[in-house]
Structure formats: C-alpha cells, structure tokens
C-alpha cells in the first residue's frame, strides 16, 4: 500500500435488523466468517490505518489494525448519526486523508473495498469521494470512500448529530462520483433470503478472489 494516501475506516454495525427478526446481523456467518469480520478484514486488507466500528462491541477474529467501538447517541439513530459518532470519536488532527465507509452487512466487503481504493491516488482534487452503485445504478452511499475533511465538515452541519437523518443529507453537498460494480459486490443482507442467497454464492464458489490467500 506504499505511496497510497492514508486511509481510515468506519464500519456501521448497529442497526435493528428488523427484517431479520432482530438477529445480531453483523455476527451472521457467511462462508465461514461473520459479516462483521468480513467488513473489518476488508478495511485492513486495503491498508486502513485505523478502524472505528459503530455498534455493540463484539468479538473480532484477528483484525490487524487499531480498532475502536462507539455508539451513536441515542442508539439506532440511523447510519448518518453513526458516521457522525465515528468521526466525533477520533481527532481531526493527523486524521487520514480518506475514510472508507462500509455497511456491516456486506458479504463481499473486501471486493467492494478493493474497487473503491484501487485508484485513490488518482482522484481529482475536486472529488470528495466515490461510492459504488448497485445493479440498477443507484448509489450505495454506505459502500464508499470519502475525503475525511469533507466528511467531517458535512457531519458538523447536520442538526442533532445526524439523528434520523438520511445518509443522502450528510453527503448532499459533497462531490461524490459513482462507480458501477459487479452486481454481487453491493449485495447486502437485509432479509433471511438475502442471507441464504449469500451463503449459496459462497458455497458454490469457495475459491473467489477475495478468499484467495493473502
């Protein structure tokens, strides 16, 4: 990762999982690893120097970067509030130039992260971030990488620390490019059927690129 801009990471893992009957979604197993482990490992793999996880503290398997746990206040204030809380928990002084933001329910988090940071050092100065798009072309704001200073400025402008605000409201004034990705990369796990589909995918293709030895 030498020569690449410094990168921090935020993983959002504190939702209610209402469509999964309140299950502890980040700890659900897909392909032999929890979704939370997959997101944390993705951050480490692409060179993040620090990781902030927003959600209840849980066990992680072998994460190789400094990790802190925070909660938005009050809990369940939504992903915008979670991002605001993560940024507030770290100092602006000496912060990495970029911040990777990943939802904690992405089976292919590592593949997504690799796509996002592949050309990080080539982004124009007037680009505040890049996020992936799903199969329909809709931006997936919680699978993105953003200039930390721009993200902090946007967070400070949200009322009530972002409570119940849409993520789009947080990013509305940022110049964010949208990158089309293979359809499976942005798939998340919101329902039991999503979980079964993700497990079937890993079971049928155990030697995917993201599972290759590092």
Protein backbone atom coordinates (compact mmCIF):
# COMPACT_ATOMS: atom_id res chain seq x y z
CA UNK A 1 0.00 0.00 0.00
CA UNK A 2 3.04 2.31 -0.07
CA UNK A 3 2.55 5.54 -1.98
CA UNK A 4 -1.20 5.46 -1.45
CA UNK A 5 -2.92 8.21 0.59
CA UNK A 6 -3.54 7.34 4.24
CA UNK A 7 -6.88 5.72 4.84
CA UNK A 8 -9.12 5.31 7.87
CA UNK A 9 -12.26 3.20 8.01
CA UNK A 10 -15.72 3.22 9.55
CA UNK A 11 -17.91 0.12 9.71
CA UNK A 12 -21.59 0.55 10.57
CA UNK A 13 -22.83 -2.38 12.63
CA UNK A 14 -25.53 -1.05 14.91
CA UNK A 15 -28.85 -1.38 13.09
CA UNK A 16 -32.00 -3.03 14.40
CA UNK A 17 -32.14 -5.78 11.73
CA UNK A 18 -35.94 -5.64 11.79
CA UNK A 19 -36.30 -7.73 8.65
CA UNK A 20 -34.11 -10.37 10.25
CA UNK A 21 -36.33 -10.56 13.33
CA UNK A 22 -33.80 -8.57 15.35
CA UNK A 23 -30.95 -11.02 14.80
CA UNK A 24 -27.40 -9.84 15.56
CA UNK A 25 -26.82 -9.26 11.88
CA UNK A 26 -23.08 -8.40 11.94
CA UNK A 27 -22.35 -11.76 13.55
CA UNK A 28 -24.23 -13.82 10.96
CA UNK A 29 -21.95 -16.34 9.28
CA UNK A 30 -21.40 -16.23 5.53
CA UNK A 31 -18.81 -18.54 4.04
CA UNK A 32 -17.28 -19.37 7.42
CA UNK A 33 -16.79 -15.78 8.60
CA UNK A 34 -19.10 -13.28 10.22
CA UNK A 35 -20.25 -10.27 8.23
CA UNK A 36 -18.51 -8.05 10.77
CA UNK A 37 -15.22 -9.90 10.35
CA UNK A 38 -15.56 -9.54 6.61
CA UNK A 39 -16.01 -5.76 6.85
CA UNK A 40 -13.16 -5.32 9.35
CA UNK A 41 -10.85 -7.53 7.30
CA UNK A 42 -11.75 -5.54 4.19
CA UNK A 43 -10.58 -2.34 5.87
CA UNK A 44 -7.31 -3.97 6.93
CA UNK A 45 -6.71 -5.53 3.53
CA UNK A 46 -6.87 -2.20 1.68
CA UNK A 47 -4.49 -0.55 4.12
CA UNK A 48 -6.66 1.34 6.60
CA UNK A 49 -4.51 2.56 9.48
CA UNK A 50 -7.40 2.72 11.97
CA UNK A 51 -10.91 1.33 12.19
CA UNK A 52 -13.96 2.65 14.02
CA UNK A 53 -16.90 0.28 14.37
CA UNK A 54 -20.26 1.79 15.27
CA UNK A 55 -22.33 -0.76 17.13
CA UNK A 56 -22.35 -3.02 20.18
CA UNK A 57 -18.89 -4.36 20.91
CA UNK A 58 -18.46 -7.91 19.62
CA UNK A 59 -15.69 -10.40 19.10
CA UNK A 60 -13.49 -9.92 16.04
CA UNK A 61 -11.22 -12.57 14.58
CA UNK A 62 -7.67 -11.42 14.00
CA UNK A 63 -8.20 -7.82 12.90
CA UNK A 64 -4.73 -6.37 12.36
CA UNK A 65 -5.41 -2.63 12.77
CA UNK A 66 -6.22 -0.47 15.81
CA UNK A 67 -9.97 -0.68 16.37
CA UNK A 68 -12.32 1.38 18.50
CA UNK A 69 -16.01 0.85 19.19
CA UNK A 70 -18.53 3.66 19.52
CA UNK A 71 -22.30 4.10 19.54
CA UNK A 72 -24.40 6.93 18.20
CA UNK A 73 -26.36 8.70 20.92
CA UNK A 74 -29.07 7.66 21.27
CA UNK A 75 -28.55 4.23 19.68
CA UNK A 76 -30.41 3.35 16.47
CA UNK A 77 -30.26 6.95 15.24
CA UNK A 78 -29.53 5.77 11.71
CA UNK A 79 -26.41 5.46 9.56
CA UNK A 80 -25.83 9.21 9.22
CA UNK A 81 -25.80 9.53 13.00
CA UNK A 82 -23.47 6.53 13.19
CA UNK A 83 -20.99 8.19 10.83
CA UNK A 84 -21.17 11.42 12.83
CA UNK A 85 -20.46 9.47 16.03
CA UNK A 86 -17.50 7.68 14.47
CA UNK A 87 -15.96 10.94 13.30
CA UNK A 88 -16.56 12.61 16.66
CA UNK A 89 -14.73 9.79 18.43
CA UNK A 90 -11.49 10.49 16.61
CA UNK A 91 -9.31 13.56 16.45
CA UNK A 92 -9.25 15.69 13.33
CA UNK A 93 -5.56 16.36 13.92
CA UNK A 94 -3.49 13.87 11.98
CA UNK A 95 -6.56 12.11 10.60
CA UNK A 96 -6.08 10.03 7.43
CA UNK A 97 -6.83 11.88 4.22
CA UNK A 98 -9.56 9.41 3.25
CA UNK A 99 -12.20 7.47 5.16
CA UNK A 100 -13.61 4.18 3.91
CA UNK A 101 -17.26 3.72 4.93
CA UNK A 102 -18.71 0.22 4.85
CA UNK A 103 -22.04 -1.14 5.97
CA UNK A 104 -21.54 -4.11 8.28
CA UNK A 105 -23.75 -6.43 6.24
CA UNK A 106 -21.77 -6.79 3.02
CA UNK A 107 -20.76 -10.37 2.20
CA UNK A 108 -18.34 -9.08 -0.43
CA UNK A 109 -16.93 -6.20 1.62
CA UNK A 110 -13.35 -6.93 0.62
CA UNK A 111 -14.09 -6.89 -3.08
CA UNK A 112 -16.02 -3.64 -2.63
CA UNK A 113 -13.18 -2.02 -0.68
CA UNK A 114 -10.60 -3.03 -3.26
CA UNK A 115 -12.65 -1.43 -6.05
CA UNK A 116 -13.07 1.77 -4.06
CA UNK A 117 -9.41 2.33 -3.22
CA UNK A 118 -7.85 1.00 -6.44
CA UNK A 119 -7.39 4.49 -7.90
CA UNK A 120 -7.49 6.51 -4.69
CA UNK A 121 -4.34 8.46 -5.54
CA UNK A 122 -5.74 9.41 -8.96
CA UNK A 123 -8.97 11.07 -7.82
CA UNK A 124 -9.17 14.75 -8.90
CA UNK A 125 -8.75 17.30 -6.13
CA UNK A 126 -12.37 18.40 -6.55
CA UNK A 127 -13.72 14.89 -5.95
CA UNK A 128 -14.87 14.46 -2.35
CA UNK A 129 -15.50 10.76 -2.63
CA UNK A 130 -16.54 7.71 -4.59
CA UNK A 131 -19.25 5.20 -3.85
CA UNK A 132 -20.34 2.04 -5.61
CA UNK A 133 -23.63 1.66 -7.45
CA UNK A 134 -25.90 -1.35 -7.33
CA UNK A 135 -27.14 -3.27 -10.36
CA UNK A 136 -29.78 -0.62 -11.07
CA UNK A 137 -27.23 2.19 -10.93
CA UNK A 138 -28.42 3.51 -7.56
CA UNK A 139 -25.61 4.90 -5.39
CA UNK A 140 -24.76 2.88 -2.32
CA UNK A 141 -23.53 5.63 -0.01
CA UNK A 142 -22.54 3.16 2.70
CA UNK A 143 -20.10 1.47 0.35
CA UNK A 144 -17.84 4.40 -0.35
CA UNK A 145 -14.62 6.25 0.37
CA UNK A 146 -14.66 9.97 1.20
CA UNK A 147 -12.19 12.72 1.90
CA UNK A 148 -12.10 12.87 5.68
CA UNK A 149 -12.08 16.66 5.91
CA UNK A 150 -15.11 16.98 3.63
CA UNK A 151 -16.93 14.25 5.55
CA UNK A 152 -16.20 15.99 8.86
CA UNK A 153 -17.46 19.32 7.56
CA UNK A 154 -20.65 17.70 6.33
CA UNK A 155 -21.13 15.90 9.64
CA UNK A 156 -20.74 19.11 11.63
CA UNK A 157 -23.52 20.73 9.59
CA UNK A 158 -26.14 18.10 10.45
CA UNK A 159 -28.55 19.06 13.25
CA UNK A 160 -28.95 16.79 16.30
CA UNK A 161 -25.73 14.92 15.45
CA UNK A 162 -27.44 13.42 12.41
CA UNK A 163 -30.14 11.63 14.38
CA UNK A 164 -32.68 10.10 11.96
CA UNK A 165 -31.12 11.98 9.03
CA UNK A 166 -30.78 10.30 5.67
CA UNK A 167 -27.25 9.47 4.55
CA UNK A 168 -28.01 11.47 1.43
CA UNK A 169 -28.45 14.55 3.64
CA UNK A 170 -24.96 14.01 5.03
CA UNK A 171 -23.40 13.70 1.59
CA UNK A 172 -25.63 16.09 -0.34
CA UNK A 173 -23.04 18.87 -0.68
CA UNK A 174 -20.13 16.57 -1.44
CA UNK A 175 -18.88 15.91 -4.95
CA UNK A 176 -19.23 12.13 -4.98
CA UNK A 177 -18.53 10.04 -8.06
CA UNK A 178 -20.48 6.81 -8.54
CA UNK A 179 -18.67 3.70 -9.71
CA UNK A 180 -20.57 0.81 -11.25
CA UNK A 181 -19.59 -2.52 -9.75
CA UNK A 182 -20.47 -6.14 -10.49
CA UNK A 183 -23.97 -6.75 -9.16
CA UNK A 184 -22.98 -9.11 -6.34
CA UNK A 185 -20.42 -6.70 -4.86
CA UNK A 186 -23.04 -4.33 -3.44
CA UNK A 187 -25.43 -7.04 -2.29
CA UNK A 188 -26.17 -6.69 1.40
CA UNK A 189 -28.01 -8.85 3.93
CA UNK A 190 -31.32 -7.28 4.92
CA UNK A 191 -33.54 -10.36 4.90
CA UNK A 192 -33.28 -14.09 5.52
CA UNK A 193 -33.48 -14.65 1.78
CA UNK A 194 -30.52 -12.29 1.29
CA UNK A 195 -28.58 -14.35 3.83
CA UNK A 196 -29.46 -17.66 2.17
CA UNK A 197 -28.50 -16.28 -1.23
CA UNK A 198 -25.14 -15.04 0.04
CA UNK A 199 -24.41 -18.39 1.67
CA UNK A 200 -25.31 -20.23 -1.53
CA UNK A 201 -22.99 -18.00 -3.51
CA UNK A 202 -20.02 -18.71 -1.25
CA UNK A 203 -20.84 -22.41 -1.09
CA UNK A 204 -20.88 -22.69 -4.87
CA UNK A 205 -17.74 -20.63 -5.43
CA UNK A 206 -15.42 -21.17 -2.44
CA UNK A 207 -12.33 -20.01 -4.32
CA UNK A 208 -13.37 -16.45 -5.15
CA UNK A 209 -10.70 -13.80 -5.47
CA UNK A 210 -11.47 -12.36 -2.05
CA UNK A 211 -10.97 -15.77 -0.46
CA UNK A 212 -7.59 -16.29 -2.08
CA UNK A 213 -4.54 -16.48 0.23
CA UNK A 214 -3.06 -13.08 1.03
